[in-house]
């Protein structure tokens, strides 16, 4: 299907006054950076802008310019002229934030190929490594405000979703945009230190526990570790503390697919997968368990106990990896 043009999206943004900007549950740097960048840009235009996320602002991203704009949604629904969903593969992934919105027009901007194109105005670019990159193109092409604060949020969005410009989805255009954002005033050293060198000690304690659960199957091509509720509660970790820890598995020589199992309180298990070979499509695997994402980075929430979900998911991963030899 054809994407809604940037011109049409910009027109809708300019014509609306009360706008709410949303992103997915268990937010990451791309979700927060994209939300805050667009919120700040629209506020420069004099718009009444609200930014909601089911989890609220996470401690790790408190340094982002405009972080105080982002809040948890209220208990009672509110009405807006326009709602914008960013970096959210399915509308259900907006969680209670989506339920709290009443709006006649919805914009859906995302880079997940599994996005079913919900909403009225839809722009999905699965080639873009981050929703932040799409937003940069939108702001630049439609002459929407892009201050130093907005640039910093966009840089964080792109940096986090490209593994600090390391993942295969990083393009020449991504580096060009990064350079443009630095010209806008981004202090890359300061931002990178806040993102990658300011972790709380409890995160390292968590990593130590996870490495104790590490296992390898399929001749070392599949690696996993798991986090039980008991251990999470013992360590007092926050949900965001495990962000990026799966990369320790992915970085091991010979590993093609890495998977992280996290037991949740509602009788489900959060499954995160990473692949180093596009032929081992982890999005397709996650879709079997009600999730989705990208070929090389995807996730799902599967119902069952931790051992049950581990067994089912590992069986599906091993089948996919074994098929690469055929």
Protein backbone atom coordinates (compact mmCIF):
# COMPACT_ATOMS: atom_id res chain seq x y z
CA UNK A 1 0.00 0.00 0.00
CA UNK A 2 1.07 3.57 -0.68
CA UNK A 3 2.30 5.63 2.25
CA UNK A 4 0.62 8.88 3.20
CA UNK A 5 2.89 11.67 1.99
CA UNK A 6 4.86 13.81 4.40
CA UNK A 7 3.01 16.84 3.00
CA UNK A 8 -0.37 15.37 3.95
CA UNK A 9 0.87 14.38 7.42
CA UNK A 10 2.35 17.84 7.99
CA UNK A 11 -0.92 19.43 6.87
CA UNK A 12 -2.86 17.37 9.42
CA UNK A 13 -0.39 18.34 12.15
CA UNK A 14 -0.61 22.03 11.28
CA UNK A 15 -4.43 21.99 11.13
CA UNK A 16 -4.90 20.31 14.53
CA UNK A 17 -4.61 22.16 17.84
CA UNK A 18 -4.98 19.50 20.56
CA UNK A 19 -2.58 16.67 19.70
CA UNK A 20 -1.58 13.57 21.67
CA UNK A 21 1.58 11.61 20.84
CA UNK A 22 1.87 7.96 21.88
CA UNK A 23 4.39 5.11 21.72
CA UNK A 24 4.57 1.44 22.63
CA UNK A 25 4.66 -0.24 26.04
CA UNK A 26 8.12 -1.10 27.37
CA UNK A 27 9.46 1.97 25.53
CA UNK A 28 13.01 2.34 24.27
CA UNK A 29 15.15 5.22 23.06
CA UNK A 30 13.50 5.34 19.65
CA UNK A 31 10.04 5.51 21.19
CA UNK A 32 10.91 8.27 23.69
CA UNK A 33 13.20 10.22 21.37
CA UNK A 34 10.62 10.22 18.58
CA UNK A 35 7.78 11.23 20.89
CA UNK A 36 9.66 14.10 22.49
CA UNK A 37 11.13 15.34 19.21
CA UNK A 38 7.70 15.60 17.59
CA UNK A 39 6.12 17.04 20.75
CA UNK A 40 8.76 19.78 20.99
CA UNK A 41 8.49 20.56 17.28
CA UNK A 42 4.71 20.93 17.47
CA UNK A 43 4.96 23.08 20.60
CA UNK A 44 7.21 25.41 18.63
CA UNK A 45 4.19 25.82 16.31
CA UNK A 46 2.00 26.77 19.26
CA UNK A 47 0.14 23.45 19.46
CA UNK A 48 -1.38 22.05 22.66
CA UNK A 49 0.63 18.82 22.80
CA UNK A 50 0.34 15.87 25.17
CA UNK A 51 2.72 12.89 25.21
CA UNK A 52 1.70 9.64 26.90
CA UNK A 53 3.25 6.25 27.43
CA UNK A 54 1.81 3.44 29.55
CA UNK A 55 5.10 3.18 31.47
CA UNK A 56 5.70 6.91 31.82
CA UNK A 57 9.20 8.33 31.53
CA UNK A 58 11.91 5.84 32.47
CA UNK A 59 14.80 6.79 34.75
CA UNK A 60 17.35 5.95 32.06
CA UNK A 61 15.97 8.59 29.68
CA UNK A 62 15.32 11.39 32.16
CA UNK A 63 18.13 13.40 30.57
CA UNK A 64 16.23 13.82 27.29
CA UNK A 65 15.20 17.41 26.54
CA UNK A 66 11.50 17.76 27.30
CA UNK A 67 11.37 14.55 29.37
CA UNK A 68 8.96 16.26 31.76
CA UNK A 69 6.40 16.48 28.93
CA UNK A 70 5.92 12.72 28.90
CA UNK A 71 3.47 11.20 31.38
CA UNK A 72 1.40 8.13 32.08
CA UNK A 73 -2.14 8.35 30.66
CA UNK A 74 -5.04 9.33 32.93
CA UNK A 75 -7.68 6.89 34.14
CA UNK A 76 -10.43 8.62 32.16
CA UNK A 77 -10.26 9.02 28.34
CA UNK A 78 -9.56 12.48 26.93
CA UNK A 79 -10.50 14.01 23.59
CA UNK A 80 -8.01 15.37 21.06
CA UNK A 81 -8.13 16.71 17.52
CA UNK A 82 -5.42 14.30 16.45
CA UNK A 83 -3.54 11.27 17.80
CA UNK A 84 -0.09 10.21 16.60
CA UNK A 85 1.25 6.69 17.22
CA UNK A 86 5.02 6.43 16.83
CA UNK A 87 7.27 3.36 16.62
CA UNK A 88 4.39 1.05 17.54
CA UNK A 89 3.96 -2.10 15.45
CA UNK A 90 0.34 -2.78 16.45
CA UNK A 91 -2.27 -0.52 18.01
CA UNK A 92 -2.61 -2.91 20.95
CA UNK A 93 1.03 -2.19 21.83
CA UNK A 94 0.00 1.32 22.84
CA UNK A 95 -1.50 -0.31 25.95
CA UNK A 96 -3.67 1.81 28.22
CA UNK A 97 -2.31 4.97 26.58
CA UNK A 98 -4.19 4.09 23.42
CA UNK A 99 -7.35 3.30 25.38
CA UNK A 100 -7.26 6.77 26.98
CA UNK A 101 -7.50 8.61 23.65
CA UNK A 102 -10.56 9.81 21.79
CA UNK A 103 -9.59 11.34 18.47
CA UNK A 104 -11.27 11.57 15.02
CA UNK A 105 -7.95 11.27 13.19
CA UNK A 106 -5.00 8.94 13.82
CA UNK A 107 -1.52 9.14 12.31
CA UNK A 108 0.67 6.01 12.36
CA UNK A 109 4.41 6.52 11.71
CA UNK A 110 6.63 3.47 12.14
CA UNK A 111 9.47 1.40 10.73
CA UNK A 112 8.34 -2.13 11.71
CA UNK A 113 7.57 -4.25 8.63
CA UNK A 114 4.96 -6.21 10.61
CA UNK A 115 2.87 -3.03 11.17
CA UNK A 116 -0.67 -3.72 9.82
CA UNK A 117 -1.10 -0.04 8.87
CA UNK A 118 -3.70 0.92 11.45
CA UNK A 119 -4.89 4.54 11.56
CA UNK A 120 -6.06 7.09 9.01
CA UNK A 121 -2.76 8.56 7.80
CA UNK A 122 -0.06 5.92 7.66
CA UNK A 123 3.64 6.13 6.85
CA UNK A 124 5.61 2.91 7.33
CA UNK A 125 9.23 2.81 6.17
CA UNK A 126 10.66 -0.61 6.98
CA UNK A 127 14.02 0.37 5.46
CA UNK A 128 14.52 3.14 8.03
CA UNK A 129 16.52 1.81 11.00
CA UNK A 130 14.55 3.96 13.45
CA UNK A 131 11.32 5.91 13.62
CA UNK A 132 13.53 8.85 14.60
CA UNK A 133 15.05 8.78 11.12
CA UNK A 134 11.60 8.97 9.51
CA UNK A 135 10.72 11.92 11.74
CA UNK A 136 13.91 13.73 10.75
CA UNK A 137 12.91 13.37 7.09
CA UNK A 138 9.40 14.61 7.92
CA UNK A 139 10.64 17.68 9.79
CA UNK A 140 13.25 18.50 7.15
CA UNK A 141 11.03 18.05 4.10
CA UNK A 142 8.07 19.97 5.55
CA UNK A 143 10.05 22.77 7.21
CA UNK A 144 8.84 21.89 10.68
CA UNK A 145 10.84 23.23 13.67
CA UNK A 146 14.06 21.36 14.57
CA UNK A 147 15.86 22.97 17.51
CA UNK A 148 18.93 21.65 19.31
CA UNK A 149 16.64 19.95 21.85
CA UNK A 150 14.67 18.26 19.07
CA UNK A 151 17.91 17.18 17.38
CA UNK A 152 19.17 15.55 20.59
CA UNK A 153 15.98 13.50 20.89
CA UNK A 154 16.22 12.39 17.28
CA UNK A 155 19.89 11.46 17.73
CA UNK A 156 19.04 9.29 20.75
CA UNK A 157 16.19 7.66 18.80
CA UNK A 158 18.48 6.74 15.93
CA UNK A 159 21.53 5.82 18.01
CA UNK A 160 19.66 3.39 20.25
CA UNK A 161 17.83 1.60 17.43
CA UNK A 162 21.00 1.18 15.36
CA UNK A 163 23.15 -0.06 18.23
CA UNK A 164 25.08 3.20 18.14
CA UNK A 165 25.24 3.11 14.31
CA UNK A 166 26.51 -0.51 14.28
CA UNK A 167 23.59 -2.69 13.17
CA UNK A 168 23.14 -3.81 9.55
CA UNK A 169 20.07 -1.58 9.19
CA UNK A 170 22.34 1.48 9.41
CA UNK A 171 22.55 3.17 6.00
CA UNK A 172 24.65 5.93 4.48
CA UNK A 173 21.62 8.17 4.93
CA UNK A 174 21.60 7.35 8.66
CA UNK A 175 25.15 8.68 9.00
CA UNK A 176 24.24 11.78 6.97
CA UNK A 177 21.33 12.48 9.29
CA UNK A 178 23.56 11.90 12.31
CA UNK A 179 25.95 14.52 10.95
CA UNK A 180 23.09 16.96 10.40
CA UNK A 181 21.92 16.46 13.99
CA UNK A 182 25.42 17.16 15.28
CA UNK A 183 25.41 20.40 13.27
CA UNK A 184 22.20 21.30 15.09
CA UNK A 185 24.08 21.20 18.39
CA UNK A 186 24.06 17.60 19.63
CA UNK A 187 27.01 16.91 21.96
CA UNK A 188 27.65 13.32 20.88
CA UNK A 189 30.16 12.62 23.66
CA UNK A 190 27.84 13.76 26.44
CA UNK A 191 24.78 12.03 24.98
CA UNK A 192 26.62 8.76 24.34
CA UNK A 193 28.00 8.73 27.88
CA UNK A 194 24.51 9.24 29.31
CA UNK A 195 23.14 6.49 27.09
CA UNK A 196 25.85 3.85 27.28
CA UNK A 197 28.13 4.64 30.22
CA UNK A 198 25.77 5.61 33.04
CA UNK A 199 24.06 2.34 33.94
CA UNK A 200 22.95 1.73 37.55
CA UNK A 201 24.87 -0.93 39.46
CA UNK A 202 21.75 -3.11 39.72
CA UNK A 203 21.91 -3.62 35.95
CA UNK A 204 25.34 -5.22 36.22
CA UNK A 205 24.09 -7.38 39.10
CA UNK A 206 21.26 -8.44 36.80
CA UNK A 207 23.70 -9.33 34.04
CA UNK A 208 25.65 -11.53 36.46
CA UNK A 209 22.46 -13.44 37.31
CA UNK A 210 21.47 -13.79 33.67
CA UNK A 211 24.83 -15.17 32.63
CA UNK A 212 24.29 -17.92 35.19
CA UNK A 213 21.20 -19.05 33.23
CA UNK A 214 22.93 -18.91 29.83
CA UNK A 215 22.57 -21.95 27.61
CA UNK A 216 23.44 -22.90 24.05
CA UNK A 217 21.64 -25.24 21.65
CA UNK A 218 21.77 -26.09 17.94
CA UNK A 219 25.54 -26.53 18.00
CA UNK A 220 26.03 -23.16 19.64
CA UNK A 221 24.05 -21.24 17.04
CA UNK A 222 21.23 -20.37 19.47
CA UNK A 223 21.94 -18.76 22.84
CA UNK A 224 19.51 -17.80 25.58
CA UNK A 225 19.16 -16.59 29.10
CA UNK A 226 16.12 -16.07 31.29
CA UNK A 227 14.92 -13.86 34.11
CA UNK A 228 12.42 -15.16 36.65
CA UNK A 229 10.14 -12.93 38.69
CA UNK A 230 11.86 -14.19 41.83
CA UNK A 231 15.28 -13.00 40.68
CA UNK A 232 13.94 -9.69 39.36
CA UNK A 233 12.28 -8.98 42.69
CA UNK A 234 15.37 -10.04 44.64
CA UNK A 235 17.56 -7.61 42.71
CA UNK A 236 14.97 -4.83 42.68
CA UNK A 237 15.55 -4.24 38.97
CA UNK A 238 13.42 -1.97 36.80
CA UNK A 239 12.00 -3.21 33.47
CA UNK A 240 14.36 -0.94 31.53
CA UNK A 241 17.43 -2.45 33.22
CA UNK A 242 17.50 -5.38 30.83
CA UNK A 243 17.49 -3.24 27.70
CA UNK A 244 20.45 -4.20 25.54
CA UNK A 245 21.62 -7.12 27.69
CA UNK A 246 20.66 -9.58 24.98
CA UNK A 247 23.51 -8.13 22.91
CA UNK A 248 25.98 -9.97 25.16
CA UNK A 249 24.58 -13.21 23.72
CA UNK A 250 24.30 -11.89 20.19
CA UNK A 251 27.97 -10.87 20.24
CA UNK A 252 29.23 -14.42 20.87
CA UNK A 253 31.06 -15.99 17.94
CA UNK A 254 28.97 -18.67 16.25
CA UNK A 255 25.65 -17.48 17.69
CA UNK A 256 23.05 -16.75 15.00
CA UNK A 257 19.98 -16.18 17.19
CA UNK A 258 19.95 -14.84 20.75
CA UNK A 259 16.83 -14.94 22.91
CA UNK A 260 15.96 -13.45 26.28
CA UNK A 261 13.03 -14.79 28.33
CA UNK A 262 11.55 -12.57 31.03
CA UNK A 263 8.79 -13.83 33.33
CA UNK A 264 5.96 -11.31 33.77
CA UNK A 265 3.40 -11.01 36.56
CA UNK A 266 0.32 -11.68 34.43
CA UNK A 267 1.18 -15.29 33.63
CA UNK A 268 3.07 -14.40 30.48
CA UNK A 269 6.69 -14.42 29.37
CA UNK A 270 8.27 -11.57 27.43
CA UNK A 271 10.43 -12.94 24.64
CA UNK A 272 13.10 -10.81 22.95
CA UNK A 273 15.06 -12.13 19.96
CA UNK A 274 18.02 -10.92 17.95
CA UNK A 275 19.50 -12.44 14.81
CA UNK A 276 22.81 -11.99 13.04
CA UNK A 277 21.55 -13.52 9.79
CA UNK A 278 18.51 -12.13 7.96
CA UNK A 279 17.78 -15.68 6.77
CA UNK A 280 17.01 -16.50 10.41
CA UNK A 281 13.94 -14.24 10.49
CA UNK A 282 13.11 -13.70 14.17
CA UNK A 283 10.08 -11.57 13.29
CA UNK A 284 8.51 -14.59 11.60
CA UNK A 285 9.27 -16.71 14.67
CA UNK A 286 7.80 -14.12 17.05
CA UNK A 287 4.65 -13.84 14.93
CA UNK A 288 3.93 -17.48 15.79
CA UNK A 289 3.64 -16.35 19.41
CA UNK A 290 1.56 -13.22 18.78
CA UNK A 291 4.47 -10.82 18.39
CA UNK A 292 6.50 -9.33 15.56
CA UNK A 293 9.11 -6.75 14.70
CA UNK A 294 12.04 -6.84 12.30
CA UNK A 295 13.86 -9.76 10.66
CA UNK A 296 16.83 -9.28 12.96
CA UNK A 297 15.14 -7.88 16.08
CA UNK A 298 11.70 -8.91 17.30
CA UNK A 299 9.69 -9.83 20.36
CA UNK A 300 6.51 -11.35 21.72
CA UNK A 301 4.57 -11.97 24.91
CA UNK A 302 3.62 -15.61 25.23
CA UNK A 303 1.23 -17.04 27.80
CA UNK A 304 2.52 -19.82 30.03
CA UNK A 305 5.13 -20.53 32.66
CA UNK A 306 8.76 -19.64 32.05
CA UNK A 307 9.84 -23.27 31.39
CA UNK A 308 6.86 -23.89 29.08
CA UNK A 309 7.46 -20.81 26.96
CA UNK A 310 11.21 -21.46 26.82
CA UNK A 311 10.60 -24.95 25.48
CA UNK A 312 8.10 -23.88 22.80
CA UNK A 313 10.09 -20.89 21.63
CA UNK A 314 13.46 -22.64 21.60
CA UNK A 315 11.93 -25.44 19.53
CA UNK A 316 10.71 -22.90 16.95
CA UNK A 317 14.05 -21.10 16.87
CA UNK A 318 16.01 -24.32 16.44
CA UNK A 319 13.74 -25.39 13.59
CA UNK A 320 14.38 -22.08 11.82
CA UNK A 321 18.14 -22.28 12.38
CA UNK A 322 18.32 -25.92 11.28
CA UNK A 323 16.46 -25.00 8.05
CA UNK A 324 19.37 -22.75 7.08
CA UNK A 325 21.43 -25.86 6.39
CA UNK A 326 18.94 -27.33 3.94
